[in-house]
């Protein structure tokens, strides 16, 4: 699921990537305030979307 989120939000602003990751985490019953979400969101926002490559 996280790979799909990463593909769809790559290059988007951090708030968009954070919201997408929190939604995915919530769907899996995980803590949506866990620190990895912020770190992953920042990384994803720096990456280019595969569709744009």
Protein backbone atom coordinates (compact mmCIF):
# COMPACT_ATOMS: atom_id res chain seq x y z
CA UNK A 1 0.00 0.00 0.00
CA UNK A 2 2.80 2.43 0.83
CA UNK A 3 4.42 1.93 -2.56
CA UNK A 4 1.19 3.01 -4.22
CA UNK A 5 0.99 6.07 -1.98
CA UNK A 6 4.62 6.91 -2.78
CA UNK A 7 3.97 6.71 -6.52
CA UNK A 8 0.93 8.95 -6.34
CA UNK A 9 2.34 11.67 -4.08
CA UNK A 10 5.96 11.85 -5.24
CA UNK A 11 6.91 15.48 -5.70
CA UNK A 12 3.80 16.83 -3.98
CA UNK A 13 4.01 19.29 -1.05
CA UNK A 14 4.84 17.78 2.36
CA UNK A 15 1.33 18.38 3.70
CA UNK A 16 -0.14 16.34 0.84
CA UNK A 17 2.30 13.46 1.30
CA UNK A 18 1.79 13.50 5.07
CA UNK A 19 -1.99 13.35 4.70
CA UNK A 20 -1.73 10.46 2.23
CA UNK A 21 0.58 8.48 4.49
CA UNK A 22 -1.61 9.11 7.54
CA UNK A 23 -4.62 7.90 5.60
CA UNK A 24 -2.80 4.71 4.61
CA UNK A 25 -1.60 4.17 8.19
CA UNK A 26 -5.12 4.72 9.53
CA UNK A 27 -6.47 2.15 7.05
CA UNK A 28 -3.99 -0.37 8.43
CA UNK A 29 -4.81 0.45 12.04
CA UNK A 30 -1.44 2.07 12.74
CA UNK A 31 -0.63 5.14 14.85
CA UNK A 32 -1.05 8.09 12.47
CA UNK A 33 1.23 10.28 14.58
CA UNK A 34 4.24 7.96 14.48
CA UNK A 35 7.47 9.86 13.60
CA UNK A 36 8.24 7.74 10.51
CA UNK A 37 5.28 9.31 8.72
CA UNK A 38 6.79 12.80 8.82
CA UNK A 39 10.19 11.52 7.69
CA UNK A 40 8.71 9.46 4.84
CA UNK A 41 6.49 12.35 3.74
CA UNK A 42 9.46 14.68 3.48
CA UNK A 43 11.40 12.14 1.43
CA UNK A 44 8.46 11.47 -0.88
CA UNK A 45 7.91 15.17 -1.50
CA UNK A 46 11.52 15.45 -2.72
CA UNK A 47 11.16 12.61 -5.23
CA UNK A 48 9.89 12.92 -8.79
CA UNK A 49 6.76 11.10 -9.81
CA UNK A 50 7.50 8.05 -12.01
CA UNK A 51 4.85 9.36 -14.40
CA UNK A 52 6.92 12.52 -14.95
CA UNK A 53 10.17 10.70 -15.64
